[in-house]
Amino acid sequence: MERLSNILAGLSHLNLEGKIVEKQPHASGLGGSCDVYTAWSVEHGKKVAVKQIRTFLKKDPAFAKKLAKEILIWSKLVHENILPLLGYFAEGNDVMPSLVSEWMEKGTLHDFMKTFPRGGIITCSILRDIAAGLSYLHLNKVIHGDLKTQNILISAHGTPLLADFGLSVALSHSQSTMGMTTASTKGTVRWMAIELLSVLGDEPSKPCEQTDMWAFGMVVYELLSWEIPYNNIRNEVLVLMAIMNGQLPLKPGMPESVDDIQLFGGLWDLACLCWKERISRPTAEFVTEHLTNRIMDCEPSFSRVITRIFMI
């Protein structure tokens, strides 16, 4: 806990103690490591999301040490596709701080994706921004570790913001020290790269840039299908077995309203590229450039659709 206290002392400019009011009594969202509440930041004059660490983790030194590192990293990240850390504050006698970020009324990409056509130029734009945020993380030696549409928030202007990249890694470190299974701690199973799972008793790999790109491919799948990966398999254990056996999601059916049949097919090919052997997967930087070029090829129709969806 001492390291956490030392790091927070060095981030005193982010201390929001006494400046967070009107915190709602009931959680607006639940996660593996925290509960999310809405509140109001007097400091910022806006509605905020307060992530309160779960009780079972508050006395865990391993989690505290890892969380301290992730708070320090998050506080330094500045990118238009990364959810900013507004600050932190301690509640009551808690040693573990609650983390504060802006509340996003549009919610997560998982909820938002059905407001635009599957596989069209808006999908391409959203994915380009996600790849740009991921590229920025990787450039700064940060691994997301739990990329999926539920961990991508949507700003008021329709911009995707990567979130939950810190707590997911910290949680996995803590739970692994408590003897919990790898599959439940390194990210949601359906988005996990095959090498993250133990096969035939071998030690699984650690999350890295390439495993993030596998998960990015699953996000592509989500936006093309409006379904979670392996949606035809209900049991999580069977999903894990399917991944270990090399089974990949089936290609989604193409919607009648798709703006560009070739674009839909190209995005599916991109997803498949992300699921290749680790050494053959594209980098986030490459994907950002590739999708930017595809968007430019779609002008001026892209501008018209953007205006229709986000400016009305």
Protein backbone atom coordinates (compact mmCIF):
# COMPACT_ATOMS: atom_id res chain seq x y z
CA MET A 1 0.00 0.00 0.00
CA GLU A 2 2.99 2.29 0.59
CA ARG A 3 3.81 2.49 -3.12
CA LEU A 4 0.22 3.44 -3.92
CA SER A 5 0.33 6.23 -1.34
CA ASN A 6 3.63 7.53 -2.72
CA ILE A 7 2.36 7.61 -6.29
CA LEU A 8 -0.87 9.34 -5.30
CA ALA A 9 1.16 11.92 -3.38
CA GLY A 10 2.97 12.69 -6.62
CA LEU A 11 -0.38 13.14 -8.38
CA SER A 12 -1.83 15.57 -5.85
CA HIS A 13 -3.03 17.81 -8.71
CA LEU A 14 -5.50 15.02 -9.57
CA ASN A 15 -6.80 14.69 -6.01
CA LEU A 16 -10.55 15.42 -6.13
CA GLU A 17 -11.27 14.84 -2.44
CA GLY A 18 -14.20 17.04 -1.42
CA LYS A 19 -14.91 17.95 -5.04
CA ILE A 20 -17.09 14.98 -6.01
CA VAL A 21 -20.73 15.43 -4.99
CA GLU A 22 -24.14 13.94 -5.68
CA LYS A 23 -22.78 10.43 -6.02
CA GLN A 24 -25.67 8.11 -6.78
CA PRO A 25 -26.39 5.42 -4.15
CA HIS A 26 -26.68 2.61 -6.69
CA ALA A 27 -24.07 1.50 -9.23
CA SER A 28 -24.75 2.35 -12.87
CA GLY A 29 -22.43 -0.41 -14.04
CA LEU A 30 -20.58 -3.41 -12.69
CA GLY A 31 -17.17 -4.83 -13.54
CA GLY A 32 -14.84 -7.54 -12.30
CA SER A 33 -12.76 -5.10 -10.28
CA CYS A 34 -15.03 -2.14 -9.60
CA ASP A 35 -18.52 -0.71 -9.47
CA VAL A 36 -19.30 2.42 -11.48
CA TYR A 37 -21.36 5.25 -10.01
CA THR A 38 -22.43 8.57 -11.49
CA ALA A 39 -21.61 11.79 -9.64
CA TRP A 40 -20.86 15.48 -10.23
CA SER A 41 -17.38 17.00 -10.26
CA VAL A 42 -17.34 20.52 -8.84
CA GLU A 43 -13.79 20.85 -10.15
CA HIS A 44 -14.76 20.14 -13.76
CA GLY A 45 -18.38 21.26 -13.72
CA LYS A 46 -19.60 18.06 -15.33
CA LYS A 47 -21.16 14.68 -14.68
CA VAL A 48 -18.55 12.01 -14.00
CA ALA A 49 -18.15 8.27 -13.63
CA VAL A 50 -16.69 7.09 -10.32
CA LYS A 51 -15.01 3.69 -10.36
CA GLN A 52 -15.03 2.28 -6.86
CA ILE A 53 -12.73 -0.68 -6.25
CA ARG A 54 -14.49 -3.84 -5.11
CA THR A 55 -14.25 -4.61 -1.38
CA PHE A 56 -12.44 -7.95 -1.81
CA LEU A 57 -9.54 -6.14 -3.53
CA LYS A 58 -9.11 -3.22 -1.14
CA LYS A 59 -6.80 -5.09 1.23
CA ASP A 60 -4.82 -6.91 -1.44
CA PRO A 61 -1.21 -5.59 -1.54
CA ALA A 62 -0.60 -7.16 -4.97
CA PHE A 63 -3.56 -5.33 -6.46
CA ALA A 64 -2.58 -2.07 -4.77
CA LYS A 65 0.94 -2.25 -6.21
CA LYS A 66 -0.28 -2.93 -9.73
CA LEU A 67 -3.05 -0.35 -9.49
CA ALA A 68 -0.53 2.29 -8.44
CA LYS A 69 1.45 1.67 -11.62
CA GLU A 70 -1.64 1.77 -13.81
CA ILE A 71 -2.89 5.04 -12.28
CA LEU A 72 0.50 6.61 -12.95
CA ILE A 73 0.44 5.41 -16.57
CA TRP A 74 -3.17 6.46 -17.16
CA SER A 75 -2.50 9.94 -15.78
CA LYS A 76 0.14 10.51 -18.48
CA LEU A 77 -1.88 9.31 -21.47
CA VAL A 78 -3.29 12.07 -23.67
CA HIS A 79 -4.96 11.06 -26.94
CA GLU A 80 -8.29 11.83 -28.59
CA ASN A 81 -9.22 8.13 -28.52
CA ILE A 82 -8.21 7.42 -24.91
CA LEU A 83 -10.60 8.12 -22.03
CA PRO A 84 -8.83 10.72 -19.84
CA LEU A 85 -8.34 10.21 -16.11
CA LEU A 86 -9.83 13.28 -14.43
CA GLY A 87 -8.61 12.35 -10.98
CA TYR A 88 -9.10 10.23 -7.88
CA PHE A 89 -10.38 10.53 -4.33
CA ALA A 90 -10.57 8.41 -1.20
CA GLU A 91 -13.95 7.64 0.31
CA GLY A 92 -14.23 7.35 4.09
CA ASN A 93 -11.41 5.25 5.51
CA ASP A 94 -10.62 3.54 2.22
CA VAL A 95 -6.94 3.32 1.35
CA MET A 96 -7.77 2.33 -2.22
CA PRO A 97 -8.84 5.40 -4.24
CA SER A 98 -11.88 5.68 -6.46
CA LEU A 99 -11.01 6.77 -10.00
CA VAL A 100 -12.88 9.55 -11.80
CA SER A 101 -13.47 10.01 -15.53
CA GLU A 102 -16.05 11.90 -17.57
CA TRP A 103 -19.47 10.26 -17.82
CA MET A 104 -20.34 9.36 -21.41
CA GLU A 105 -24.07 9.65 -22.05
CA LYS A 106 -23.87 7.63 -25.28
CA GLY A 107 -22.53 4.69 -23.28
CA THR A 108 -20.37 1.95 -24.70
CA LEU A 109 -19.74 1.01 -28.30
CA HIS A 110 -21.58 -2.24 -27.56
CA ASP A 111 -24.76 -0.20 -27.02
CA PHE A 112 -24.01 2.44 -29.66
CA MET A 113 -23.09 0.20 -32.59
CA LYS A 114 -26.69 -0.50 -33.60
CA THR A 115 -27.24 3.20 -34.36
CA PHE A 116 -25.24 2.94 -37.61
CA PRO A 117 -25.20 0.37 -40.46
CA ARG A 118 -23.15 -2.79 -40.12
CA GLY A 119 -19.94 -2.86 -42.10
CA GLY A 120 -20.21 0.54 -43.76
CA ILE A 121 -18.02 3.62 -43.73
CA ILE A 122 -19.09 4.60 -40.20
CA THR A 123 -17.91 1.18 -39.02
CA CYS A 124 -14.64 1.82 -40.83
CA SER A 125 -14.27 5.22 -39.15
CA ILE A 126 -14.99 3.85 -35.68
CA LEU A 127 -12.45 1.06 -36.17
CA ARG A 128 -9.85 3.51 -37.48
CA ASP A 129 -10.20 5.58 -34.30
CA ILE A 130 -9.98 2.48 -32.09
CA ALA A 131 -6.83 1.40 -33.92
CA ALA A 132 -5.39 4.91 -33.49
CA GLY A 133 -5.98 4.77 -29.73
CA LEU A 134 -4.49 1.29 -29.56
CA SER A 135 -1.49 2.40 -31.61
CA TYR A 136 -0.93 5.25 -29.13
CA LEU A 137 -1.06 2.82 -26.20
CA HIS A 138 1.42 0.48 -27.86
CA LEU A 139 3.73 3.37 -28.74
CA ASN A 140 3.79 4.15 -25.01
CA LYS A 141 4.43 0.50 -24.11
CA VAL A 142 0.93 0.06 -22.68
CA ILE A 143 -1.05 -3.12 -23.35
CA HIS A 144 -4.83 -2.83 -23.17
CA GLY A 145 -5.44 -6.45 -22.20
CA ASP A 146 -9.24 -6.40 -22.39
CA LEU A 147 -10.30 -4.80 -25.67
CA LYS A 148 -13.98 -5.26 -26.58
CA THR A 149 -16.91 -2.99 -27.44
CA GLN A 150 -18.03 -2.97 -23.81
CA ASN A 151 -14.72 -1.32 -22.85
CA ILE A 152 -14.94 1.38 -25.53
CA LEU A 153 -16.95 4.47 -24.61
CA ILE A 154 -18.56 6.88 -27.07
CA SER A 155 -18.16 10.64 -26.63
CA ALA A 156 -20.91 13.20 -27.28
CA HIS A 157 -19.44 13.68 -30.76
CA GLY A 158 -19.43 9.97 -31.56
CA THR A 159 -15.72 9.44 -30.96
CA PRO A 160 -14.67 6.05 -29.53
CA LEU A 161 -12.56 6.23 -26.35
CA LEU A 162 -10.59 3.24 -25.09
CA ALA A 163 -11.22 2.58 -21.41
CA ASP A 164 -10.53 -0.01 -18.70
CA PHE A 165 -7.05 -0.87 -19.98
CA GLY A 166 -5.51 -0.26 -16.55
CA LEU A 167 -7.86 -1.96 -14.13
CA SER A 168 -8.17 -5.11 -16.23
CA VAL A 169 -4.41 -5.72 -16.13
CA ALA A 170 -4.21 -4.89 -12.43
CA LEU A 171 -7.09 -7.24 -11.69
CA SER A 172 -5.52 -10.08 -13.64
CA HIS A 173 -2.30 -9.72 -11.64
CA SER A 174 -4.17 -9.76 -8.35
CA GLN A 175 -6.47 -12.67 -9.15
CA SER A 176 -3.62 -14.80 -10.48
CA THR A 177 -1.90 -14.47 -7.09
CA MET A 178 -5.08 -15.75 -5.46
CA GLY A 179 -5.09 -18.93 -7.57
CA MET A 180 -7.87 -17.95 -9.96
CA THR A 181 -7.81 -19.35 -13.49
CA THR A 182 -5.95 -17.68 -16.31
CA ALA A 183 -8.99 -17.67 -18.56
CA SER A 184 -11.01 -15.59 -16.13
CA THR A 185 -8.34 -13.03 -15.42
CA LYS A 186 -6.55 -11.97 -18.59
CA GLY A 187 -9.61 -10.59 -20.34
CA THR A 188 -12.95 -11.94 -21.40
CA VAL A 189 -12.54 -15.40 -22.92
CA ARG A 190 -14.39 -14.66 -26.18
CA TRP A 191 -11.89 -11.94 -27.10
CA MET A 192 -8.76 -13.78 -25.95
CA ALA A 193 -5.96 -14.80 -28.28
CA ILE A 194 -5.30 -18.52 -28.45
CA GLU A 195 -1.80 -18.12 -26.99
CA LEU A 196 -3.24 -16.61 -23.79
CA LEU A 197 -4.83 -19.94 -22.96
CA SER A 198 -2.85 -22.83 -21.59
CA VAL A 199 -2.65 -25.67 -24.06
CA LEU A 200 -1.62 -29.18 -23.01
CA GLY A 201 -0.25 -27.94 -19.71
CA ASP A 202 2.03 -25.32 -21.25
CA GLU A 203 2.41 -21.93 -19.63
CA PRO A 204 0.18 -19.39 -21.41
CA SER A 205 1.68 -16.28 -22.97
CA LYS A 206 1.31 -12.86 -21.39
CA PRO A 207 -0.85 -10.09 -22.91
CA CYS A 208 1.10 -8.16 -25.54
CA GLU A 209 0.57 -5.98 -28.61
CA GLN A 210 -0.25 -9.02 -30.72
CA THR A 211 -2.90 -10.31 -28.30
CA ASP A 212 -4.46 -6.84 -28.35
CA MET A 213 -4.64 -7.11 -32.15
CA TRP A 214 -6.40 -10.48 -31.88
CA ALA A 215 -8.98 -8.78 -29.66
CA PHE A 216 -9.21 -5.91 -32.17
CA GLY A 217 -10.23 -8.51 -34.76
CA MET A 218 -13.02 -9.59 -32.42
CA VAL A 219 -14.15 -5.96 -32.15
CA VAL A 220 -14.30 -5.87 -35.96
CA TYR A 221 -16.46 -8.99 -35.77
CA GLU A 222 -18.76 -7.33 -33.23
CA LEU A 223 -19.33 -4.33 -35.50
CA LEU A 224 -19.93 -6.50 -38.56
CA SER A 225 -22.36 -8.84 -36.80
CA TRP A 226 -23.82 -6.87 -33.86
CA GLU A 227 -23.11 -10.01 -31.86
CA ILE A 228 -20.47 -11.09 -29.36
CA PRO A 229 -17.80 -13.49 -30.68
CA TYR A 230 -18.89 -17.14 -30.72
CA ASN A 231 -22.48 -16.03 -30.11
CA ASN A 232 -23.66 -19.49 -31.22
CA ILE A 233 -21.87 -21.02 -28.20
CA ARG A 234 -23.49 -20.17 -24.87
CA ASN A 235 -21.18 -22.01 -22.48
CA GLU A 236 -17.95 -20.14 -21.69
CA VAL A 237 -16.00 -23.37 -21.18
CA LEU A 238 -17.04 -24.55 -24.64
CA VAL A 239 -15.95 -21.18 -26.04
CA LEU A 240 -12.55 -21.64 -24.42
CA MET A 241 -12.27 -25.12 -25.92
CA ALA A 242 -13.28 -23.79 -29.35
CA ILE A 243 -10.52 -21.17 -29.25
CA MET A 244 -7.95 -23.74 -28.10
CA ASN A 245 -9.00 -25.96 -31.03
CA GLY A 246 -8.41 -23.12 -33.48
CA GLN A 247 -12.08 -22.43 -34.18
CA LEU A 248 -12.79 -18.85 -35.32
CA PRO A 249 -16.07 -16.91 -35.51
CA LEU A 250 -18.13 -17.49 -38.65
CA LYS A 251 -18.35 -14.71 -41.22
CA PRO A 252 -21.45 -12.58 -40.49
CA GLY A 253 -24.19 -12.36 -43.07
CA MET A 254 -24.04 -9.18 -45.12
CA PRO A 255 -26.89 -6.71 -44.43
CA GLU A 256 -29.01 -5.47 -47.33
CA SER A 257 -28.31 -1.86 -46.38
CA VAL A 258 -24.50 -2.09 -46.44
CA ASP A 259 -23.04 1.00 -48.15
CA ASP A 260 -20.16 -0.82 -49.74
CA ILE A 261 -20.02 -4.57 -50.29
CA GLN A 262 -16.29 -4.46 -50.91
CA LEU A 263 -15.73 -2.48 -47.71
CA PHE A 264 -17.67 -5.06 -45.67
CA GLY A 265 -15.57 -7.85 -47.17
CA GLY A 266 -12.38 -5.88 -46.60
CA LEU A 267 -13.18 -5.41 -42.92
CA TRP A 268 -13.84 -9.12 -42.55
CA ASP A 269 -10.49 -9.86 -44.19
CA LEU A 270 -8.89 -7.47 -41.68
CA ALA A 271 -10.47 -9.37 -38.78
CA CYS A 272 -9.13 -12.65 -40.16
CA LEU A 273 -5.67 -11.11 -40.50
CA CYS A 274 -5.78 -10.25 -36.78
CA TRP A 275 -6.44 -13.92 -35.97
CA LYS A 276 -3.40 -15.30 -37.75
CA GLU A 277 -0.27 -16.58 -36.01
CA ARG A 278 1.08 -13.95 -33.65
CA ILE A 279 4.02 -12.97 -35.85
CA SER A 280 1.72 -12.44 -38.87
CA ARG A 281 -0.78 -10.09 -37.24
CA PRO A 282 -0.85 -6.43 -38.32
CA THR A 283 0.21 -3.67 -35.95
CA ALA A 284 -2.28 -1.09 -34.71
CA GLU A 285 -0.31 1.57 -36.58
CA PHE A 286 -0.63 -0.35 -39.85
CA VAL A 287 -4.38 -0.83 -39.34
CA THR A 288 -4.84 2.88 -38.61
CA GLU A 289 -3.13 3.84 -41.86
CA HIS A 290 -4.98 1.16 -43.83
CA LEU A 291 -8.41 2.22 -42.59
CA THR A 292 -7.61 5.90 -43.07
CA ASN A 293 -6.88 5.16 -46.72
CA ARG A 294 -10.14 3.21 -47.07
CA ILE A 295 -12.08 6.14 -45.62
CA MET A 296 -10.41 8.57 -48.01
CA ASP A 297 -11.43 6.31 -50.90
CA CYS A 298 -15.05 6.63 -49.74
CA GLU A 299 -15.16 10.44 -49.90
CA PRO A 300 -17.39 12.42 -50.29
CA SER A 301 -20.09 9.92 -49.22
CA PHE A 302 -18.28 9.50 -45.90
CA SER A 303 -18.81 13.16 -44.98
CA ARG A 304 -22.51 12.97 -45.79
CA VAL A 305 -23.09 9.89 -43.62
CA ILE A 306 -21.04 11.32 -40.72
CA THR A 307 -23.15 14.47 -40.80
CA ARG A 308 -26.41 12.53 -40.92
CA ILE A 309 -25.58 10.24 -37.99
CA PHE A 310 -23.60 12.44 -35.58
CA MET A 311 -24.75 16.00 -36.20
CA ILE A 312 -28.49 15.59 -36.06
